[in-house]
Protein backbone atom coordinates (compact mmCIF):
# COMPACT_ATOMS: atom_id res chain seq x y z
CA MET A 1 92.88 83.12 148.03
CA THR A 2 90.43 84.48 145.35
CA ILE A 3 88.15 87.18 146.87
CA ALA A 4 84.23 87.16 145.48
CA THR A 5 83.04 90.21 143.77
CA ASP A 6 79.72 91.49 144.83
CA ILE A 7 77.87 92.22 141.82
CA GLY A 8 75.59 94.98 143.51
CA THR A 9 78.92 96.96 142.67
CA PHE A 10 78.10 96.75 138.70
CA ILE A 11 74.90 99.05 139.25
CA GLU A 12 74.62 102.40 140.67
CA ARG A 13 71.84 104.88 140.79
CA SER A 14 72.41 108.70 141.60
CA PRO A 15 70.39 111.44 140.91
CA ASP A 16 73.41 113.23 139.45
CA ILE A 17 74.07 110.80 136.96
CA ARG A 18 71.23 110.06 134.04
CA GLY A 19 68.73 111.15 136.29
CA GLY A 20 68.84 108.56 138.56
CA LYS A 21 68.59 105.74 136.00
CA PRO A 22 70.58 102.79 137.01
CA CYS A 23 73.97 102.76 135.41
CA LEU A 24 76.94 100.58 135.18
CA SER A 25 79.19 101.61 137.63
CA GLY A 26 81.65 104.42 136.81
CA THR A 27 80.60 104.92 133.51
CA GLY A 28 77.19 106.51 132.90
CA LEU A 29 76.18 103.62 130.48
CA THR A 30 72.42 103.13 131.62
CA VAL A 31 70.86 99.76 131.82
CA HIS A 32 68.29 100.81 129.84
CA ARG A 33 70.53 100.91 127.07
CA ILE A 34 71.97 97.59 127.69
CA VAL A 35 68.54 96.13 127.56
CA ARG A 36 67.51 97.92 124.52
CA TRP A 37 70.51 96.50 122.62
CA TYR A 38 69.69 92.85 124.01
CA LYS A 39 66.22 92.99 122.82
CA LEU A 40 67.40 93.99 119.42
CA GLY A 41 69.36 90.61 119.45
CA LEU A 42 72.69 91.37 120.64
CA LEU A 43 74.30 88.80 122.59
CA PRO A 44 76.19 90.06 125.91
CA GLU A 45 79.49 89.64 123.77
CA GLU A 46 78.26 92.01 121.34
CA ILE A 47 76.81 94.35 123.72
CA LEU A 48 80.47 94.70 125.21
CA ASP A 49 82.05 94.92 122.01
CA ARG A 50 79.73 97.75 120.78
CA ILE A 51 80.59 99.80 124.08
CA GLY A 52 84.22 99.47 123.90
CA HIS A 53 84.98 100.65 127.34
CA PRO A 54 87.96 99.18 128.87
CA THR A 55 87.44 98.66 132.22
CA LEU A 56 83.75 96.92 131.45
CA THR A 57 83.52 92.87 131.77
CA LEU A 58 80.88 90.69 130.60
CA ALA A 59 79.99 90.38 134.29
CA HIS A 60 79.12 94.07 133.91
CA ILE A 61 76.57 93.10 131.11
CA TYR A 62 75.17 90.28 132.91
CA ALA A 63 74.79 92.38 136.19
CA ALA A 64 72.86 94.75 133.77
CA LEU A 65 70.63 91.98 132.63
CA THR A 66 69.99 90.49 135.72
CA TYR A 67 69.33 93.93 137.40
CA TYR A 68 66.83 94.33 134.64
CA GLN A 69 64.88 90.84 134.95
CA ALA A 70 64.93 91.69 138.91
CA ASN A 71 63.15 95.10 138.20
CA GLN A 72 61.67 94.44 134.75
CA ALA A 73 58.24 96.31 135.27
CA MET A 74 60.31 99.39 136.70
CA ILE A 75 62.71 99.38 133.79
CA GLU A 76 59.76 98.54 130.84
CA THR A 77 58.19 101.60 132.49
CA GLU A 78 60.91 103.74 132.17
CA ILE A 79 61.69 102.83 128.75
CA THR A 80 58.28 103.53 127.53
CA ALA A 81 58.45 106.92 129.18
CA GLU A 82 61.82 107.41 127.42
CA ASP A 83 60.01 106.31 124.39
CA ALA A 84 57.03 108.61 124.38
CA GLU A 85 59.21 111.49 124.88
CA ALA A 86 61.54 110.75 122.18
CA GLU A 87 58.28 110.33 120.17
CA GLN A 88 56.84 113.90 121.26
CA LEU A 89 60.33 115.58 120.76
CA MET A 90 60.24 113.96 117.27
CA ARG A 91 56.94 115.72 116.44
CA GLN A 92 57.71 119.20 117.76
CA HIS A 93 60.28 119.17 115.57
CA ILE A 94 58.89 117.91 112.45
CA GLN A 95 56.04 120.59 113.44
CA SER A 96 58.51 123.79 113.83
CA ASP A 97 60.45 122.81 110.45
CA PRO A 98 59.67 125.13 108.15
CA THR A 99 60.95 122.81 105.21
């Protein structure tokens, strides 16, 4: 008899891991990262190859994409905030660079 896997077990959120962003369980790899690669045009199989983690499967990638679809507004807001923070840090670095 085959036991069904609860796809909810593929995603975890913890304030101690990546600031509480949703991650693939046991990896610290954020759903945000999966979504960014997917938006760049990578197929789920290509994302899995890029990660190269021995315990991850396509089911994990699809769970991350499903989590994104179910929580798209929240994830997009978080990604926008990440991009704004990265842009601000880059501007600060450029302004402080003496060359």
